[in-house]
Each structure stands twice: as structure tokens, then as C-alpha cells.
Amino acid sequence: CERAKQAVAIACYPDTDRDLTRLIDEEMRAAGL
């Protein structure tokens, strides 16, 4: 899939501290908090 021109490969690794901060803040904003 990484070599094929018509394909994309999307790797999903555990969230970093920056990812978790963004996730928490996004959910809090969505809840009005």
C-alpha cells in the first residue's frame, strides 16, 4: 500500500502529550467547559 500510486497508508500511533492536550480541550469546548 505504501508503494502503490493509487493507495495511501495511514499509521495510527498512541497520542503524544500535545495530542492529548488538544483532545481534552476540544471535548471541553464542545461541552461548553
PDB file of all heavy atoms in Angstrom:
ATOM      1  N   CYS A   1       0.824  -1.215   0.000  1.00  0.00           N
ATOM      2  CA  CYS A   1       0.000   0.000   0.000  1.00  0.00           C
ATOM      3  C   CYS A   1       0.856   1.263   0.000  1.00  0.00           C
ATOM      4  O   CYS A   1       0.490   2.273  -0.595  1.00  0.00           O
ATOM      5  CB  CYS A   1      -0.951  -0.004   1.186  1.00  0.00           C
ATOM      6  SG  CYS A   1      -2.304  -1.204   1.035  1.00  0.00           S
ATOM      7  N   GLU A   2       2.001   1.214   0.667  1.00  0.00           N
ATOM      8  CA  GLU A   2       2.886   2.381   0.670  1.00  0.00           C
ATOM      9  C   GLU A   2       3.540   2.606  -0.690  1.00  0.00           C
ATOM     10  O   GLU A   2       3.897   3.739  -1.036  1.00  0.00           O
ATOM     11  CB  GLU A   2       3.964   2.218   1.742  1.00  0.00           C
ATOM     12  CG  GLU A   2       3.427   2.380   3.162  1.00  0.00           C
ATOM     13  CD  GLU A   2       4.496   2.264   4.233  1.00  0.00           C
ATOM     14  OE1 GLU A   2       5.596   1.758   3.926  1.00  0.00           O
ATOM     15  OE2 GLU A   2       4.230   2.669   5.382  1.00  0.00           O
ATOM     16  N   ARG A   3       3.683   1.547  -1.478  1.00  0.00           N
ATOM     17  CA  ARG A   3       4.335   1.670  -2.778  1.00  0.00           C
ATOM     18  C   ARG A   3       3.354   1.965  -3.916  1.00  0.00           C
ATOM     19  O   ARG A   3       3.760   2.500  -4.954  1.00  0.00           O
ATOM     20  CB  ARG A   3       5.101   0.383  -3.086  1.00  0.00           C
ATOM     21  CG  ARG A   3       6.325   0.177  -2.196  1.00  0.00           C
ATOM     22  CD  ARG A   3       7.009  -1.143  -2.520  1.00  0.00           C
ATOM     23  NE  ARG A   3       8.213  -1.318  -1.703  1.00  0.00           N
ATOM     24  CZ  ARG A   3       8.951  -2.418  -1.699  1.00  0.00           C
ATOM     25  NH1 ARG A   3       8.616  -3.443  -2.478  1.00  0.00           N
ATOM     26  NH2 ARG A   3      10.029  -2.492  -0.939  1.00  0.00           N
ATOM     27  N   ALA A   4       2.089   1.609  -3.744  1.00  0.00           N
ATOM     28  CA  ALA A   4       1.118   1.765  -4.828  1.00  0.00           C
ATOM     29  C   ALA A   4       0.741   3.236  -5.029  1.00  0.00           C
ATOM     30  O   ALA A   4       0.476   3.957  -4.058  1.00  0.00           O
ATOM     31  CB  ALA A   4      -0.134   0.946  -4.533  1.00  0.00           C
ATOM     32  N   LYS A   5       0.696   3.683  -6.281  1.00  0.00           N
ATOM     33  CA  LYS A   5       0.385   5.084  -6.583  1.00  0.00           C
ATOM     34  C   LYS A   5      -1.040   5.454  -6.204  1.00  0.00           C
ATOM     35  O   LYS A   5      -1.310   6.603  -5.852  1.00  0.00           O
ATOM     36  CB  LYS A   5       0.621   5.356  -8.067  1.00  0.00           C
ATOM     37  CG  LYS A   5       2.082   5.281  -8.494  1.00  0.00           C
ATOM     38  CD  LYS A   5       2.233   5.606  -9.965  1.00  0.00           C
ATOM     39  CE  LYS A   5       3.702   5.548 -10.389  1.00  0.00           C
ATOM     40  NZ  LYS A   5       3.876   5.859 -11.826  1.00  0.00           N
ATOM     41  N   GLN A   6      -1.972   4.506  -6.303  1.00  0.00           N
ATOM     42  CA  GLN A   6      -3.379   4.828  -6.032  1.00  0.00           C
ATOM     43  C   GLN A   6      -3.780   4.591  -4.578  1.00  0.00           C
ATOM     44  O   GLN A   6      -4.951   4.672  -4.232  1.00  0.00           O
ATOM     45  CB  GLN A   6      -4.297   4.029  -6.960  1.00  0.00           C
ATOM     46  CG  GLN A   6      -4.254   2.514  -6.777  1.00  0.00           C
ATOM     47  CD  GLN A   6      -3.277   1.831  -7.693  1.00  0.00           C
ATOM     48  OE1 GLN A   6      -2.114   2.211  -7.754  1.00  0.00           O
ATOM     49  NE2 GLN A   6      -3.743   0.816  -8.410  1.00  0.00           N
ATOM     50  N   ALA A   7      -2.798   4.305  -3.697  1.00  0.00           N
ATOM     51  CA  ALA A   7      -3.105   3.995  -2.300  1.00  0.00           C
ATOM     52  C   ALA A   7      -2.425   4.966  -1.348  1.00  0.00           C
ATOM     53  O   ALA A   7      -1.435   5.616  -1.692  1.00  0.00           O
ATOM     54  CB  ALA A   7      -2.679   2.566  -1.971  1.00  0.00           C
ATOM     55  N   VAL A   8      -2.975   5.062  -0.148  1.00  0.00           N
ATOM     56  CA  VAL A   8      -2.338   5.800   0.943  1.00  0.00           C
ATOM     57  C   VAL A   8      -2.257   4.870   2.144  1.00  0.00           C
ATOM     58  O   VAL A   8      -3.115   4.006   2.334  1.00  0.00           O
ATOM     59  CB  VAL A   8      -3.105   7.088   1.328  1.00  0.00           C
ATOM     60  CG1 VAL A   8      -3.085   8.088   0.194  1.00  0.00           C
ATOM     61  CG2 VAL A   8      -4.530   6.779   1.739  1.00  0.00           C
ATOM     62  N   ALA A   9      -1.238   5.038   2.945  1.00  0.00           N
ATOM     63  CA  ALA A   9      -1.080   4.277   4.182  1.00  0.00           C
ATOM     64  C   ALA A   9      -1.077   5.256   5.348  1.00  0.00           C
ATOM     65  O   ALA A   9      -0.268   6.183   5.378  1.00  0.00           O
ATOM     66  CB  ALA A   9       0.211   3.463   4.145  1.00  0.00           C
ATOM     67  N   ILE A  10      -1.995   5.058   6.273  1.00  0.00           N
ATOM     68  CA  ILE A  10      -2.172   5.977   7.395  1.00  0.00           C
ATOM     69  C   ILE A  10      -1.850   5.236   8.692  1.00  0.00           C
ATOM     70  O   ILE A  10      -2.605   4.359   9.122  1.00  0.00           O
ATOM     71  CB  ILE A  10      -3.611   6.527   7.434  1.00  0.00           C
ATOM     72  CG1 ILE A  10      -3.938   7.252   6.128  1.00  0.00           C
ATOM     73  CG2 ILE A  10      -3.811   7.439   8.639  1.00  0.00           C
ATOM     74  CD1 ILE A  10      -5.387   7.670   6.006  1.00  0.00           C
ATOM     75  N   ALA A  11      -0.734   5.579   9.312  1.00  0.00           N
ATOM     76  CA  ALA A  11      -0.328   4.941  10.564  1.00  0.00           C
ATOM     77  C   ALA A  11      -0.962   5.669  11.748  1.00  0.00           C
ATOM     78  O   ALA A  11      -1.042   6.893  11.764  1.00  0.00           O
ATOM     79  CB  ALA A  11       1.188   4.947  10.692  1.00  0.00           C
ATOM     80  N   CYS A  12      -1.403   4.890  12.744  1.00  0.00           N
ATOM     81  CA  CYS A  12      -2.076   5.454  13.917  1.00  0.00           C
ATOM     82  C   CYS A  12      -1.316   5.045  15.177  1.00  0.00           C
ATOM     83  O   CYS A  12      -1.438   3.903  15.641  1.00  0.00           O
ATOM     84  CB  CYS A  12      -3.521   4.957  13.984  1.00  0.00           C
ATOM     85  SG  CYS A  12      -4.504   5.372  12.521  1.00  0.00           S
ATOM     86  N   TYR A  13      -0.543   5.967  15.710  1.00  0.00           N
ATOM     87  CA  TYR A  13       0.264   5.701  16.890  1.00  0.00           C
ATOM     88  C   TYR A  13      -0.367   6.362  18.121  1.00  0.00           C
ATOM     89  O   TYR A  13      -1.143   7.319  17.992  1.00  0.00           O
ATOM     90  CB  TYR A  13       1.682   6.210  16.680  1.00  0.00           C
ATOM     91  CG  TYR A  13       2.391   5.511  15.545  1.00  0.00           C
ATOM     92  CD1 TYR A  13       2.670   6.178  14.359  1.00  0.00           C
ATOM     93  CD2 TYR A  13       2.762   4.169  15.656  1.00  0.00           C
ATOM     94  CE1 TYR A  13       3.310   5.526  13.300  1.00  0.00           C
ATOM     95  CE2 TYR A  13       3.401   3.515  14.617  1.00  0.00           C
ATOM     96  CZ  TYR A  13       3.671   4.197  13.444  1.00  0.00           C
ATOM     97  OH  TYR A  13       4.286   3.550  12.409  1.00  0.00           O
ATOM     98  N   PRO A  14      -0.030   5.876  19.330  1.00  0.00           N
ATOM     99  CA  PRO A  14      -0.612   6.462  20.549  1.00  0.00           C
ATOM    100  C   PRO A  14      -0.394   7.968  20.615  1.00  0.00           C
ATOM    101  O   PRO A  14       0.616   8.494  20.152  1.00  0.00           O
ATOM    102  CB  PRO A  14       0.133   5.736  21.674  1.00  0.00           C
ATOM    103  CG  PRO A  14       0.502   4.414  21.072  1.00  0.00           C
ATOM    104  CD  PRO A  14       0.831   4.711  19.634  1.00  0.00           C
ATOM    105  N   ASP A  15      -1.365   8.660  21.186  1.00  0.00           N
ATOM    106  CA  ASP A  15      -1.323  10.112  21.276  1.00  0.00           C
ATOM    107  C   ASP A  15      -0.128  10.599  22.090  1.00  0.00           C
ATOM    108  O   ASP A  15       0.209  10.030  23.132  1.00  0.00           O
ATOM    109  CB  ASP A  15      -2.602  10.642  21.926  1.00  0.00           C
ATOM    110  CG  ASP A  15      -3.810  10.533  21.000  1.00  0.00           C
ATOM    111  OD1 ASP A  15      -3.626  10.736  19.782  1.00  0.00           O
ATOM    112  OD2 ASP A  15      -4.917  10.258  21.494  1.00  0.00           O
ATOM    113  N   THR A  16       0.488  11.665  21.630  1.00  0.00           N
ATOM    114  CA  THR A  16       1.522  12.360  22.388  1.00  0.00           C
ATOM    115  C   THR A  16       0.847  13.283  23.405  1.00  0.00           C
ATOM    116  O   THR A  16      -0.379  13.448  23.396  1.00  0.00           O
ATOM    117  CB  THR A  16       2.405  13.191  21.454  1.00  0.00           C
ATOM    118  OG1 THR A  16       1.589  14.206  20.832  1.00  0.00           O
ATOM    119  CG2 THR A  16       3.029  12.326  20.371  1.00  0.00           C
ATOM    120  N   ASP A  17       1.641  13.907  24.271  1.00  0.00           N
ATOM    121  CA  ASP A  17       1.078  14.866  25.226  1.00  0.00           C
ATOM    122  C   ASP A  17       0.358  16.001  24.491  1.00  0.00           C
ATOM    123  O   ASP A  17      -0.698  16.471  24.942  1.00  0.00           O
ATOM    124  CB  ASP A  17       2.184  15.448  26.118  1.00  0.00           C
ATOM    125  CG  ASP A  17       2.671  14.441  27.154  1.00  0.00           C
ATOM    126  OD1 ASP A  17       2.020  13.396  27.315  1.00  0.00           O
ATOM    127  OD2 ASP A  17       3.700  14.705  27.796  1.00  0.00           O
ATOM    128  N   ARG A  18       0.910  16.438  23.378  1.00  0.00           N
ATOM    129  CA  ARG A  18       0.268  17.510  22.608  1.00  0.00           C
ATOM    130  C   ARG A  18      -1.080  17.036  22.049  1.00  0.00           C
ATOM    131  O   ARG A  18      -2.073  17.771  22.086  1.00  0.00           O
ATOM    132  CB  ARG A  18       1.175  17.943  21.459  1.00  0.00           C
ATOM    133  CG  ARG A  18       0.581  19.043  20.589  1.00  0.00           C
ATOM    134  CD  ARG A  18       1.530  19.428  19.464  1.00  0.00           C
ATOM    135  NE  ARG A  18       2.749  20.026  19.979  1.00  0.00           N
ATOM    136  CZ  ARG A  18       3.743  20.461  19.200  1.00  0.00           C
ATOM    137  NH1 ARG A  18       3.657  20.343  17.875  1.00  0.00           N
ATOM    138  NH2 ARG A  18       4.816  21.000  19.746  1.00  0.00           N
ATOM    139  N   ASP A  19      -1.122  15.797  21.559  1.00  0.00           N
ATOM    140  CA  ASP A  19      -2.379  15.249  21.040  1.00  0.00           C
ATOM    141  C   ASP A  19      -3.429  15.163  22.145  1.00  0.00           C
ATOM    142  O   ASP A  19      -4.602  15.493  21.932  1.00  0.00           O
ATOM    143  CB  ASP A  19      -2.155  13.855  20.442  1.00  0.00           C
ATOM    144  CG  ASP A  19      -1.238  13.865  19.240  1.00  0.00           C
ATOM    145  OD1 ASP A  19      -1.274  14.853  18.481  1.00  0.00           O
ATOM    146  OD2 ASP A  19      -0.491  12.890  19.058  1.00  0.00           O
ATOM    147  N   LEU A  20      -3.017  14.685  23.321  1.00  0.00           N
ATOM    148  CA  LEU A  20      -3.964  14.545  24.431  1.00  0.00           C
ATOM    149  C   LEU A  20      -4.468  15.902  24.900  1.00  0.00           C
ATOM    150  O   LEU A  20      -5.650  16.051  25.233  1.00  0.00           O
ATOM    151  CB  LEU A  20      -3.311  13.789  25.586  1.00  0.00           C
ATOM    152  CG  LEU A  20      -3.041  12.303  25.352  1.00  0.00           C
ATOM    153  CD1 LEU A  20      -2.265  11.707  26.520  1.00  0.00           C
ATOM    154  CD2 LEU A  20      -4.347  11.548  25.152  1.00  0.00           C
ATOM    155  N   THR A  21      -3.577  16.894  24.941  1.00  0.00           N
ATOM    156  CA  THR A  21      -4.000  18.247  25.326  1.00  0.00           C
ATOM    157  C   THR A  21      -5.053  18.761  24.355  1.00  0.00           C
ATOM    158  O   THR A  21      -6.086  19.317  24.772  1.00  0.00           O
ATOM    159  CB  THR A  21      -2.792  19.205  25.331  1.00  0.00           C
ATOM    160  OG1 THR A  21      -1.851  18.762  26.313  1.00  0.00           O
ATOM    161  CG2 THR A  21      -3.229  20.626  25.662  1.00  0.00           C
ATOM    162  N   ARG A  22      -4.812  18.583  23.061  1.00  0.00           N
ATOM    163  CA  ARG A  22      -5.777  19.036  22.052  1.00  0.00           C
ATOM    164  C   ARG A  22      -7.098  18.282  22.180  1.00  0.00           C
ATOM    165  O   ARG A  22      -8.171  18.884  22.102  1.00  0.00           O
ATOM    166  CB  ARG A  22      -5.184  18.845  20.653  1.00  0.00           C
ATOM    167  CG  ARG A  22      -6.091  19.361  19.545  1.00  0.00           C
ATOM    168  CD  ARG A  22      -5.411  19.368  18.191  1.00  0.00           C
ATOM    169  NE  ARG A  22      -4.988  18.034  17.787  1.00  0.00           N
ATOM    170  CZ  ARG A  22      -3.731  17.629  17.712  1.00  0.00           C
ATOM    171  NH1 ARG A  22      -2.746  18.453  18.032  1.00  0.00           N
ATOM    172  NH2 ARG A  22      -3.435  16.402  17.319  1.00  0.00           N
ATOM    173  N   LEU A  23      -7.017  16.965  22.391  1.00  0.00           N
ATOM    174  CA  LEU A  23      -8.222  16.152  22.536  1.00  0.00           C
ATOM    175  C   LEU A  23      -9.061  16.615  23.726  1.00  0.00           C
ATOM    176  O   LEU A  23     -10.287  16.799  23.617  1.00  0.00           O
ATOM    177  CB  LEU A  23      -7.831  14.682  22.704  1.00  0.00           C
ATOM    178  CG  LEU A  23      -8.960  13.711  23.062  1.00  0.00           C
ATOM    179  CD1 LEU A  23      -9.955  13.619  21.927  1.00  0.00           C
ATOM    180  CD2 LEU A  23      -8.395  12.335  23.391  1.00  0.00           C
ATOM    181  N   ILE A  24      -8.401  16.800  24.869  1.00  0.00           N
ATOM    182  CA  ILE A  24      -9.126  17.231  26.074  1.00  0.00           C
ATOM    183  C   ILE A  24      -9.754  18.600  25.863  1.00  0.00           C
ATOM    184  O   ILE A  24     -10.934  18.816  26.183  1.00  0.00           O
ATOM    185  CB  ILE A  24      -8.172  17.242  27.289  1.00  0.00           C
ATOM    186  CG1 ILE A  24      -7.766  15.808  27.654  1.00  0.00           C
ATOM    187  CG2 ILE A  24      -8.816  17.943  28.490  1.00  0.00           C
ATOM    188  CD1 ILE A  24      -6.631  15.725  28.660  1.00  0.00           C
ATOM    189  N   ASP A  25      -8.993  19.534  25.322  1.00  0.00           N
ATOM    190  CA  ASP A  25      -9.511  20.889  25.130  1.00  0.00           C
ATOM    191  C   ASP A  25     -10.653  20.914  24.117  1.00  0.00           C
ATOM    192  O   ASP A  25     -11.625  21.657  24.286  1.00  0.00           O
ATOM    193  CB  ASP A  25      -8.385  21.829  24.696  1.00  0.00           C
ATOM    194  CG  ASP A  25      -7.400  22.104  25.830  1.00  0.00           C
ATOM    195  OD1 ASP A  25      -7.740  21.799  26.995  1.00  0.00           O
ATOM    196  OD2 ASP A  25      -6.295  22.614  25.559  1.00  0.00           O
ATOM    197  N   GLU A  26     -10.565  20.100  23.072  1.00  0.00           N
ATOM    198  CA  GLU A  26     -11.644  20.038  22.083  1.00  0.00           C
ATOM    199  C   GLU A  26     -12.933  19.529  22.722  1.00  0.00           C
ATOM    200  O   GLU A  26     -14.017  20.083  22.486  1.00  0.00           O
ATOM    201  CB  GLU A  26     -11.239  19.112  20.927  1.00  0.00           C
ATOM    202  CG  GLU A  26     -10.243  19.711  19.956  1.00  0.00           C
ATOM    203  CD  GLU A  26      -9.819  18.699  18.903  1.00  0.00           C
ATOM    204  OE1 GLU A  26     -10.250  17.522  18.995  1.00  0.00           O
ATOM    205  OE2 GLU A  26      -9.068  19.080  17.988  1.00  0.00           O
ATOM    206  N   GLU A  27     -12.827  18.481  23.515  1.00  0.00           N
ATOM    207  CA  GLU A  27     -14.021  17.921  24.158  1.00  0.00           C
ATOM    208  C   GLU A  27     -14.607  18.889  25.184  1.00  0.00           C
ATOM    209  O   GLU A  27     -15.829  18.980  25.339  1.00  0.00           O
ATOM    210  CB  GLU A  27     -13.691  16.579  24.808  1.00  0.00           C
ATOM    211  CG  GLU A  27     -13.390  15.465  23.827  1.00  0.00           C
ATOM    212  CD  GLU A  27     -14.589  15.128  22.955  1.00  0.00           C
ATOM    213  OE1 GLU A  27     -15.737  15.326  23.386  1.00  0.00           O
ATOM    214  OE2 GLU A  27     -14.371  14.658  21.815  1.00  0.00           O
ATOM    215  N   MET A  28     -13.748  19.593  25.895  1.00  0.00           N
ATOM    216  CA  MET A  28     -14.250  20.566  26.867  1.00  0.00           C
ATOM    217  C   MET A  28     -14.961  21.720  26.164  1.00  0.00           C
ATOM    218  O   MET A  28     -16.028  22.168  26.607  1.00  0.00           O
ATOM    219  CB  MET A  28     -13.095  21.093  27.725  1.00  0.00           C
ATOM    220  CG  MET A  28     -12.496  20.051  28.649  1.00  0.00           C
ATOM    221  SD  MET A  28     -13.731  19.318  29.760  1.00  0.00           S
ATOM    222  CE  MET A  28     -12.963  17.756  30.168  1.00  0.00           C
ATOM    223  N   ARG A  29     -14.385  22.204  25.066  1.00  0.00           N
ATOM    224  CA  ARG A  29     -15.052  23.284  24.310  1.00  0.00           C
ATOM    225  C   ARG A  29     -16.401  22.817  23.782  1.00  0.00           C
ATOM    226  O   ARG A  29     -17.384  23.563  23.827  1.00  0.00           O
ATOM    227  CB  ARG A  29     -14.169  23.736  23.155  1.00  0.00           C
ATOM    228  CG  ARG A  29     -13.048  24.675  23.550  1.00  0.00           C
ATOM    229  CD  ARG A  29     -12.470  25.381  22.337  1.00  0.00           C
ATOM    230  NE  ARG A  29     -11.905  24.433  21.385  1.00  0.00           N
ATOM    231  CZ  ARG A  29     -10.656  24.009  21.414  1.00  0.00           C
ATOM    232  NH1 ARG A  29      -9.831  24.442  22.365  1.00  0.00           N
ATOM    233  NH2 ARG A  29     -10.206  23.164  20.496  1.00  0.00           N
ATOM    234  N   ALA A  30     -16.457  21.584  23.302  1.00  0.00           N
ATOM    235  CA  ALA A  30     -17.715  21.053  22.780  1.00  0.00           C
ATOM    236  C   ALA A  30     -18.780  20.974  23.867  1.00  0.00           C
ATOM    237  O   ALA A  30     -19.976  21.095  23.586  1.00  0.00           O
ATOM    238  CB  ALA A  30     -17.484  19.679  22.165  1.00  0.00           C
ATOM    239  N   ALA A  31     -18.343  20.781  25.119  1.00  0.00           N
ATOM    240  CA  ALA A  31     -19.280  20.700  26.249  1.00  0.00           C
ATOM    241  C   ALA A  31     -19.514  22.051  26.907  1.00  0.00           C
ATOM    242  O   ALA A  31     -20.227  22.139  27.913  1.00  0.00           O
ATOM    243  CB  ALA A  31     -18.752  19.705  27.284  1.00  0.00           C
ATOM    244  N   GLY A  32     -18.896  23.105  26.366  1.00  0.00           N
ATOM    245  CA  GLY A  32     -19.061  24.431  26.947  1.00  0.00           C
ATOM    246  C   GLY A  32     -18.320  24.601  28.254  1.00  0.00           C
ATOM    247  O   GLY A  32     -18.751  25.368  29.114  1.00  0.00           O
ATOM    248  N   LEU A  33     -17.181  23.922  28.401  1.00  0.00           N
ATOM    249  CA  LEU A  33     -16.426  23.944  29.651  1.00  0.00           C
ATOM    250  C   LEU A  33     -14.984  24.372  29.414  1.00  0.00           C
ATOM    251  O   LEU A  33     -14.464  24.275  28.307  1.00  0.00           O
ATOM    252  CB  LEU A  33     -16.416  22.544  30.285  1.00  0.00           C
ATOM    253  CG  LEU A  33     -17.745  21.964  30.780  1.00  0.00           C
ATOM    254  CD1 LEU A  33     -17.602  20.469  31.002  1.00  0.00           C
ATOM    255  CD2 LEU A  33     -18.187  22.659  32.059  1.00  0.00           C
TER     256      LEU A  33
END
